[in-house]
Amino acid sequence: MTILSAINNLCGIVQRRGGYNRAFWLSALLSLSAVSTAQTNSTATAPWLEVIRETPYVYSQGFYTNLSTIRRWVLLNESYCEQPDRHILYDRRGRFLSYFTNLETVEQNQDRLNELRDQFYQQERVHRWIGGDINSTGYPFALRCDHPHANLSTALDRLLGTHPEDRVWGTWDGMTAGTEEAPIALVDLVMMVFDDKAARQGFEVSDDVRRAFLGQIIIESGARKLSFSSARAIGLLQLRPEVLSDCEIPERFYLHRMAQVDCAVRLYQQNDRNLRPAFDERFGHLPEDKRERLYSLMLVQAYHGGIGRMLQLLGDEEPGRAGHRFAESPQRYSAEDMATGLIYHNMGRIGLGLASLYYLVDVAIASEVVCTARPDVCP
């Protein structure tokens, strides 16, 4: 896709929807910058991306279940990741291949990974192997079991107010959550604001999105108020300052938890308004349950990757090819398979990569953990 065609596509979308606001364009332009970067680097495809391009679409069948099993091990320190000083390897269908215990240095780990990759190829367990290093991805793919930034148990304690110091209180836009003398769990504050703002704005939120929102808080920030990313995203829900400004949040309240939830609900509603028509055009013929499940997954991904990218995945240019194929034979795939397949087959394009692929799966795992601990907050 060229920059010009991407702009034309987005302009056409805006015309069909009857207008735009700054939040839409901020998200869309971030996606276009990724298109520009991808074009700049398009002269040489990284070897691991050749694996992606060679993968048949039908391999998306069962992919979500396979990948979520592995990500669950990583996030919850289970199974082969019960000992955190390990790496695990998996193939292009998300299937677990093996693990090894970490060696003394990063360089030694890379050498061991490449030895195993070659070994799997010789054993015909994979169709090819690609050596990786500190700066490049190899194949079969690898994951570290040790992810200190994704400590779900600690983040869950913060969200649930397990310890007294994790409980919160505050006021915002006519709402009062807890008191200084009787603070409440963060999860209760979040859902109070979420439900109130959605009702005020007439935003009908599906149960899937409501549950995912709780998982996003854990994955986005570890349920921390003072959370800052290299991409300039800040706070509980990792919003950029320009997005918070567009939500008319005063700068002194950018890190206010209730203000962050307020702005996130508005962003969700704006994404919903722009995503729904394009989604229905591509997937409107799916059975209702599968259709709405897939839609909720794409809406969650839009929060992470930008509405512009999601619209390109539903379009007629190269990033939209996977969507076309899934829409032609949806009976082959679960909604989750299609959602992850849209990302997988477009890694290396429009700014999508392995982090984008893991995001949906990780949010679902985190949501399940929250809902198991506090079923009363999950519809």
Protein backbone atom coordinates (compact mmCIF):
# COMPACT_ATOMS: atom_id res chain seq x y z
CA MET A 1 0.00 0.00 0.00
CA THR A 2 1.34 3.46 -0.87
CA ILE A 3 1.00 6.46 1.43
CA LEU A 4 -1.33 8.09 -1.12
CA SER A 5 -3.62 5.08 -1.35
CA ALA A 6 -3.71 4.78 2.44
CA ILE A 7 -4.74 8.44 2.75
CA ASN A 8 -7.38 8.01 0.05
CA ASN A 9 -8.77 4.95 1.81
CA LEU A 10 -9.01 6.76 5.12
CA CYS A 11 -10.62 9.80 3.52
CA GLY A 12 -13.21 7.55 1.90
CA ILE A 13 -13.94 5.93 5.25
CA VAL A 14 -14.46 9.32 6.86
CA GLN A 15 -16.84 10.41 4.09
CA ARG A 16 -18.92 7.24 4.45
CA ARG A 17 -19.15 7.77 8.19
CA GLY A 18 -20.14 11.39 7.95
CA GLY A 19 -17.21 13.16 9.57
CA TYR A 20 -14.28 12.74 11.91
CA ASN A 21 -12.72 14.06 15.07
CA ARG A 22 -9.15 14.58 16.22
CA ALA A 23 -8.95 11.24 18.06
CA PHE A 24 -9.69 9.36 14.83
CA TRP A 25 -7.06 11.24 12.87
CA LEU A 26 -4.43 10.95 15.61
CA SER A 27 -4.81 7.19 15.55
CA ALA A 28 -5.02 7.02 11.77
CA LEU A 29 -1.95 9.18 11.19
CA LEU A 30 0.08 7.03 13.59
CA SER A 31 -0.85 4.07 11.39
CA LEU A 32 0.17 5.95 8.25
CA SER A 33 3.58 6.67 9.76
CA ALA A 34 4.00 2.91 10.10
CA VAL A 35 3.13 2.51 6.40
CA SER A 36 5.86 5.01 5.56
CA THR A 37 8.40 3.12 7.69
CA ALA A 38 7.39 -0.18 6.12
CA GLN A 39 7.82 1.29 2.62
CA THR A 40 11.26 2.57 3.50
CA ASN A 41 12.33 -0.92 4.58
CA SER A 42 10.45 -2.83 1.86
CA THR A 43 13.46 -3.32 -0.38
CA ALA A 44 14.72 -6.18 1.79
CA THR A 45 12.37 -8.54 3.61
CA ALA A 46 13.79 -9.88 6.87
CA PRO A 47 14.31 -13.66 6.57
CA TRP A 48 11.84 -14.46 9.38
CA LEU A 49 9.14 -12.53 7.52
CA GLU A 50 9.58 -14.93 4.60
CA VAL A 51 8.20 -17.59 6.96
CA ILE A 52 5.15 -15.41 7.57
CA ARG A 53 4.58 -14.82 3.84
CA GLU A 54 4.90 -18.55 3.10
CA THR A 55 2.41 -19.60 5.77
CA PRO A 56 -0.88 -20.83 4.26
CA TYR A 57 -3.96 -19.06 5.59
CA VAL A 58 -5.42 -22.41 6.64
CA TYR A 59 -2.66 -22.67 9.26
CA SER A 60 -4.60 -20.08 11.24
CA GLN A 61 -6.99 -22.88 12.20
CA GLY A 62 -6.23 -23.64 15.84
CA PHE A 63 -3.46 -21.04 15.96
CA TYR A 64 -5.05 -19.01 18.76
CA THR A 65 -5.42 -22.01 21.07
CA ASN A 66 -1.83 -23.08 20.44
CA LEU A 67 -0.37 -19.63 21.02
CA SER A 68 -2.53 -18.87 24.06
CA THR A 69 -1.30 -22.09 25.71
CA ILE A 70 2.30 -20.93 25.34
CA ARG A 71 1.60 -17.35 26.41
CA ARG A 72 -0.25 -18.66 29.47
CA TRP A 73 2.89 -20.56 30.49
CA VAL A 74 4.92 -17.35 30.16
CA LEU A 75 2.51 -15.00 31.92
CA LEU A 76 1.48 -17.36 34.71
CA ASN A 77 4.81 -19.19 35.15
CA GLU A 78 3.19 -22.54 34.41
CA SER A 79 4.25 -25.81 32.76
CA TYR A 80 7.56 -25.43 30.91
CA CYS A 81 7.84 -21.87 32.28
CA GLU A 82 7.40 -22.90 35.90
CA GLN A 83 11.14 -22.24 36.09
CA PRO A 84 11.62 -18.71 34.72
CA ASP A 85 15.21 -19.18 33.53
CA ARG A 86 14.14 -20.90 30.31
CA HIS A 87 13.39 -20.22 26.66
CA ILE A 88 10.67 -22.02 24.73
CA LEU A 89 10.38 -22.42 20.97
CA TYR A 90 7.29 -22.71 18.79
CA ASP A 91 6.47 -23.03 15.10
CA ARG A 92 4.37 -21.03 12.64
CA ARG A 93 1.20 -22.77 13.79
CA GLY A 94 1.85 -21.69 17.36
CA ARG A 95 2.77 -25.25 18.38
CA PHE A 96 5.25 -25.81 21.20
CA LEU A 97 8.47 -27.47 20.07
CA SER A 98 10.88 -27.54 23.00
CA TYR A 99 12.55 -25.57 25.76
CA PHE A 100 16.02 -25.16 27.20
CA THR A 101 17.45 -23.78 30.43
CA ASN A 102 19.21 -20.47 29.96
CA LEU A 103 22.98 -20.41 29.74
CA GLU A 104 25.30 -17.82 31.27
CA THR A 105 25.18 -15.11 28.59
CA VAL A 106 22.77 -13.73 26.00
CA GLU A 107 25.18 -14.75 23.25
CA GLN A 108 25.27 -18.34 24.50
CA ASN A 109 21.47 -18.42 24.59
CA GLN A 110 21.35 -17.22 20.99
CA ASP A 111 23.80 -19.91 19.93
CA ARG A 112 21.73 -22.56 21.69
CA LEU A 113 18.52 -21.29 20.07
CA ASN A 114 20.10 -21.54 16.64
CA GLU A 115 21.44 -25.04 17.36
CA LEU A 116 17.92 -26.17 18.27
CA ARG A 117 16.44 -24.48 15.20
CA ASP A 118 18.85 -26.36 12.96
CA GLN A 119 18.12 -29.58 14.86
CA PHE A 120 14.34 -29.23 14.37
CA TYR A 121 14.89 -28.68 10.66
CA GLN A 122 17.10 -31.77 10.38
CA GLN A 123 14.39 -33.74 12.21
CA GLU A 124 11.78 -32.35 9.76
CA ARG A 125 9.79 -30.83 12.60
CA VAL A 126 9.83 -27.47 10.78
CA HIS A 127 9.97 -26.68 7.06
CA ARG A 128 12.98 -24.36 7.42
CA TRP A 129 15.11 -22.65 10.02
CA ILE A 130 16.49 -19.13 10.29
CA GLY A 131 19.24 -18.06 12.60
CA GLY A 132 18.52 -15.18 14.94
CA ASP A 133 20.65 -12.86 17.02
CA ILE A 134 20.22 -10.05 19.51
CA ASN A 135 18.94 -7.72 16.78
CA SER A 136 17.00 -10.07 14.54
CA THR A 137 14.23 -12.63 14.90
CA GLY A 138 14.94 -16.26 14.10
CA TYR A 139 12.68 -19.19 13.27
CA PRO A 140 11.32 -21.29 14.92
CA PHE A 141 10.17 -18.44 17.13
CA ALA A 142 11.39 -18.15 20.72
CA LEU A 143 10.02 -16.73 23.96
CA ARG A 144 11.68 -16.05 27.28
CA CYS A 145 9.85 -17.45 30.27
CA ASP A 146 11.14 -14.58 32.41
CA HIS A 147 9.00 -11.49 31.76
CA PRO A 148 9.26 -9.32 34.89
CA HIS A 149 7.25 -6.50 33.25
CA ALA A 150 4.34 -8.94 32.87
CA ASN A 151 4.02 -10.19 36.44
CA LEU A 152 0.32 -11.00 36.46
CA SER A 153 0.06 -11.99 40.11
CA THR A 154 1.51 -8.69 41.34
CA ALA A 155 -0.61 -6.68 38.90
CA LEU A 156 -3.71 -8.62 39.95
CA ASP A 157 -3.04 -7.75 43.58
CA ARG A 158 -2.90 -4.06 42.63
CA LEU A 159 -6.11 -4.25 40.65
CA LEU A 160 -8.02 -6.14 43.33
CA GLY A 161 -6.67 -4.08 46.23
CA THR A 162 -5.32 -7.18 47.94
CA HIS A 163 -3.04 -5.08 50.12
CA PRO A 164 -4.26 -1.93 51.90
CA GLU A 165 -1.71 0.26 50.11
CA ASP A 166 -3.21 -0.78 46.74
CA ARG A 167 -6.70 0.53 47.54
CA VAL A 168 -7.77 3.85 46.09
CA TRP A 169 -10.34 6.61 46.26
CA GLY A 170 -11.09 9.67 44.18
CA THR A 171 -13.57 12.01 42.56
CA TRP A 172 -14.08 12.85 38.91
CA ASP A 173 -16.78 14.53 36.85
CA GLY A 174 -19.48 14.18 39.50
CA MET A 175 -18.43 10.66 40.51
CA THR A 176 -17.06 9.65 43.90
CA ALA A 177 -15.27 6.34 44.38
CA GLY A 178 -14.50 5.39 47.96
CA THR A 179 -13.21 7.84 50.55
CA GLU A 180 -9.87 8.58 52.13
CA GLU A 181 -11.05 6.72 55.23
CA ALA A 182 -12.55 3.82 53.25
CA PRO A 183 -10.65 3.33 49.97
CA ILE A 184 -11.81 0.65 47.52
CA ALA A 185 -10.24 -1.81 45.11
CA LEU A 186 -9.00 -0.29 41.87
CA VAL A 187 -11.17 -2.71 39.89
CA ASP A 188 -14.31 -1.27 41.51
CA LEU A 189 -13.24 2.30 40.78
CA VAL A 190 -12.47 1.41 37.16
CA MET A 191 -15.80 -0.28 36.50
CA MET A 192 -17.73 2.51 38.22
CA VAL A 193 -16.23 5.08 35.85
CA PHE A 194 -16.40 2.78 32.83
CA ASP A 195 -20.10 2.03 33.26
CA ASP A 196 -21.03 5.62 34.15
CA LYS A 197 -19.23 7.18 31.17
CA ALA A 198 -20.51 4.56 28.72
CA ALA A 199 -24.08 5.17 29.91
CA ARG A 200 -23.73 8.96 29.68
CA GLN A 201 -22.39 8.70 26.14
CA GLY A 202 -24.93 6.13 24.97
CA PHE A 203 -22.17 3.64 24.22
CA GLU A 204 -23.47 0.06 24.28
CA VAL A 205 -20.55 -2.05 25.42
CA SER A 206 -20.47 -5.79 24.80
CA ASP A 207 -19.65 -8.16 27.65
CA ASP A 208 -16.51 -9.24 25.78
CA VAL A 209 -15.18 -5.68 25.60
CA ARG A 210 -16.04 -5.00 29.23
CA ARG A 211 -14.06 -8.05 30.34
CA ALA A 212 -11.19 -7.23 27.99
CA PHE A 213 -10.95 -3.73 29.46
CA LEU A 214 -9.94 -5.21 32.82
CA GLY A 215 -7.33 -7.39 31.15
CA GLN A 216 -5.98 -4.38 29.28
CA ILE A 217 -5.27 -2.52 32.52
CA ILE A 218 -3.01 -5.39 33.60
CA ILE A 219 -1.26 -5.76 30.25
CA GLU A 220 -0.98 -2.03 29.47
CA SER A 221 0.42 -0.82 32.79
CA GLY A 222 0.50 -3.64 35.32
CA ALA A 223 -2.33 -1.70 37.02
CA ARG A 224 0.15 1.06 37.86
CA LYS A 225 -0.78 4.74 37.94
CA LEU A 226 2.79 5.89 37.37
CA SER A 227 3.51 3.93 34.22
CA PHE A 228 5.45 5.46 31.31
CA SER A 229 6.44 3.92 27.97
CA SER A 230 9.10 4.81 25.42
CA ALA A 231 6.25 5.59 23.00
CA ARG A 232 5.16 8.46 25.31
CA ALA A 233 2.09 6.60 26.54
CA ILE A 234 1.36 7.26 30.20
CA GLY A 235 -0.77 6.15 33.10
CA LEU A 236 -3.08 3.29 33.95
CA LEU A 237 -4.32 2.86 30.37
CA GLN A 238 -1.19 4.04 28.55
CA LEU A 239 -2.72 7.00 26.73
CA ARG A 240 -0.66 9.54 24.84
CA PRO A 241 -0.75 13.17 26.03
CA GLU A 242 -2.31 14.30 22.74
CA VAL A 243 -5.15 11.79 23.15
CA LEU A 244 -5.77 12.93 26.72
CA SER A 245 -5.79 16.52 25.48
CA ASP A 246 -8.34 15.61 22.82
CA CYS A 247 -10.49 14.14 25.62
CA GLU A 248 -10.31 17.61 27.21
CA ILE A 249 -8.50 16.28 30.26
CA PRO A 250 -6.50 19.08 31.95
CA GLU A 251 -2.78 18.27 31.92
CA ARG A 252 -2.55 18.17 35.72
CA PHE A 253 -5.01 15.24 35.65
CA TYR A 254 -3.33 13.19 32.91
CA LEU A 255 -2.32 10.49 35.43
CA HIS A 256 -5.61 10.58 37.37
CA ARG A 257 -6.93 7.03 37.25
CA MET A 258 -10.56 8.04 36.81
CA ALA A 259 -9.65 10.53 34.08
CA GLN A 260 -7.71 7.82 32.25
CA VAL A 261 -10.74 5.50 32.28
CA ASP A 262 -12.96 8.39 31.14
CA CYS A 263 -10.73 9.06 28.13
CA ALA A 264 -10.33 5.36 27.31
CA VAL A 265 -14.12 4.92 27.12
CA ARG A 266 -14.35 7.88 24.72
CA LEU A 267 -11.59 6.39 22.58
CA TYR A 268 -13.35 3.03 22.52
CA GLN A 269 -16.59 4.69 21.42
CA GLN A 270 -14.83 6.62 18.66
CA ASN A 271 -13.08 3.48 17.44
CA ASP A 272 -16.40 1.63 17.50
CA ARG A 273 -18.06 4.32 15.40
CA ASN A 274 -15.37 4.08 12.71
CA LEU A 275 -14.68 0.35 12.81
CA ARG A 276 -18.22 -1.04 12.73
CA PRO A 277 -19.20 -0.12 9.14
CA ALA A 278 -15.97 -1.48 7.63
CA PHE A 279 -16.19 -4.62 9.76
CA ASP A 280 -19.80 -5.30 8.79
CA GLU A 281 -18.91 -4.87 5.13
CA ARG A 282 -16.28 -7.63 5.40
CA PHE A 283 -17.69 -9.93 8.09
CA GLY A 284 -21.35 -9.00 8.41
CA HIS A 285 -22.44 -12.40 7.03
CA LEU A 286 -20.87 -14.36 9.92
CA PRO A 287 -23.16 -16.03 12.50
CA GLU A 288 -23.98 -13.46 15.17
CA ASP A 289 -22.00 -14.97 18.05
CA LYS A 290 -18.85 -15.42 15.97
CA ARG A 291 -19.28 -12.03 14.31
CA GLU A 292 -19.62 -10.12 17.57
CA ARG A 293 -16.76 -12.02 19.20
CA LEU A 294 -14.46 -11.20 16.28
CA TYR A 295 -15.60 -7.59 16.33
CA SER A 296 -14.84 -7.22 20.04
CA LEU A 297 -11.34 -8.62 19.48
CA MET A 298 -10.67 -6.15 16.68
CA LEU A 299 -11.99 -3.29 18.81
CA VAL A 300 -9.58 -4.26 21.59
CA GLN A 301 -6.73 -4.44 19.05
CA ALA A 302 -7.70 -1.00 17.73
CA TYR A 303 -7.02 0.44 21.18
CA HIS A 304 -3.51 -1.02 21.08
CA GLY A 305 -2.55 -0.62 17.43
CA GLY A 306 -4.73 2.25 16.23
CA ILE A 307 -7.99 2.37 14.30
CA GLY A 308 -6.13 3.14 11.08
CA ARG A 309 -4.39 -0.22 11.10
CA MET A 310 -7.62 -2.10 11.77
CA LEU A 311 -9.31 -0.34 8.86
CA GLN A 312 -6.44 -1.34 6.58
CA LEU A 313 -6.89 -4.98 7.67
CA LEU A 314 -10.50 -4.68 6.51
CA GLY A 315 -9.67 -2.94 3.24
CA ASP A 316 -8.94 -4.07 -0.30
CA GLU A 317 -5.18 -3.48 -0.40
CA GLU A 318 -2.50 -6.03 0.55
CA PRO A 319 -3.14 -5.89 4.34
CA GLY A 320 -6.76 -6.83 3.66
CA ARG A 321 -6.03 -10.11 1.87
CA ALA A 322 -6.16 -12.25 5.01
CA GLY A 323 -9.52 -10.74 5.91
CA HIS A 324 -10.86 -11.61 2.45
CA ARG A 325 -9.73 -15.22 2.82
CA PHE A 326 -11.17 -15.64 6.30
CA ALA A 327 -14.46 -14.07 5.21
CA GLU A 328 -14.70 -16.53 2.31
CA SER A 329 -14.50 -19.62 4.56
CA PRO A 330 -15.27 -18.54 8.14
CA GLN A 331 -16.48 -22.02 9.10
CA ARG A 332 -12.85 -23.17 9.20
CA TYR A 333 -11.83 -20.76 11.96
CA SER A 334 -12.85 -19.56 15.39
CA ALA A 335 -13.28 -15.82 15.91
CA GLU A 336 -10.01 -15.89 17.86
CA ASP A 337 -8.21 -17.67 15.01
CA MET A 338 -9.34 -14.99 12.58
CA ALA A 339 -8.37 -12.13 14.89
CA THR A 340 -4.85 -13.46 15.42
CA GLY A 341 -4.59 -14.53 11.76
CA LEU A 342 -5.26 -10.99 10.58
CA ILE A 343 -2.25 -9.87 12.62
CA TYR A 344 0.00 -12.85 11.90
CA HIS A 345 -0.27 -12.64 8.12
CA ASN A 346 0.46 -8.90 8.22
CA MET A 347 3.47 -8.89 10.51
CA GLY A 348 6.12 -6.74 8.89
CA ARG A 349 3.44 -4.55 7.31
CA ILE A 350 1.74 -1.39 8.64
CA GLY A 351 3.76 -1.51 11.84
CA LEU A 352 2.51 -4.91 13.03
CA GLY A 353 4.85 -7.39 14.70
CA LEU A 354 5.07 -10.10 17.31
CA ALA A 355 4.08 -7.66 20.09
CA SER A 356 0.81 -6.98 18.23
CA LEU A 357 0.21 -10.71 17.93
CA TYR A 358 0.78 -11.35 21.61
CA TYR A 359 -1.36 -8.42 22.75
CA LEU A 360 -4.78 -9.94 22.05
CA VAL A 361 -3.81 -13.27 23.57
CA ASP A 362 -2.29 -11.68 26.67
CA VAL A 363 -5.31 -9.45 27.25
CA ALA A 364 -7.61 -12.49 27.06
CA ILE A 365 -5.46 -14.41 29.57
CA ALA A 366 -5.33 -11.44 31.94
CA SER A 367 -9.10 -10.93 31.64
CA GLU A 368 -9.70 -14.57 32.54
CA VAL A 369 -7.46 -14.24 35.59
CA VAL A 370 -9.34 -11.13 36.78
CA CYS A 371 -12.75 -12.67 36.18
CA THR A 372 -11.81 -15.85 38.02
CA ALA A 373 -10.72 -13.81 41.03
CA ARG A 374 -13.65 -11.36 40.91
CA PRO A 375 -16.52 -12.92 38.92
CA ASP A 376 -18.88 -10.22 40.22
CA VAL A 377 -17.21 -7.56 38.03
CA CYS A 378 -17.36 -9.69 34.88
CA PRO A 379 -20.69 -10.05 33.01
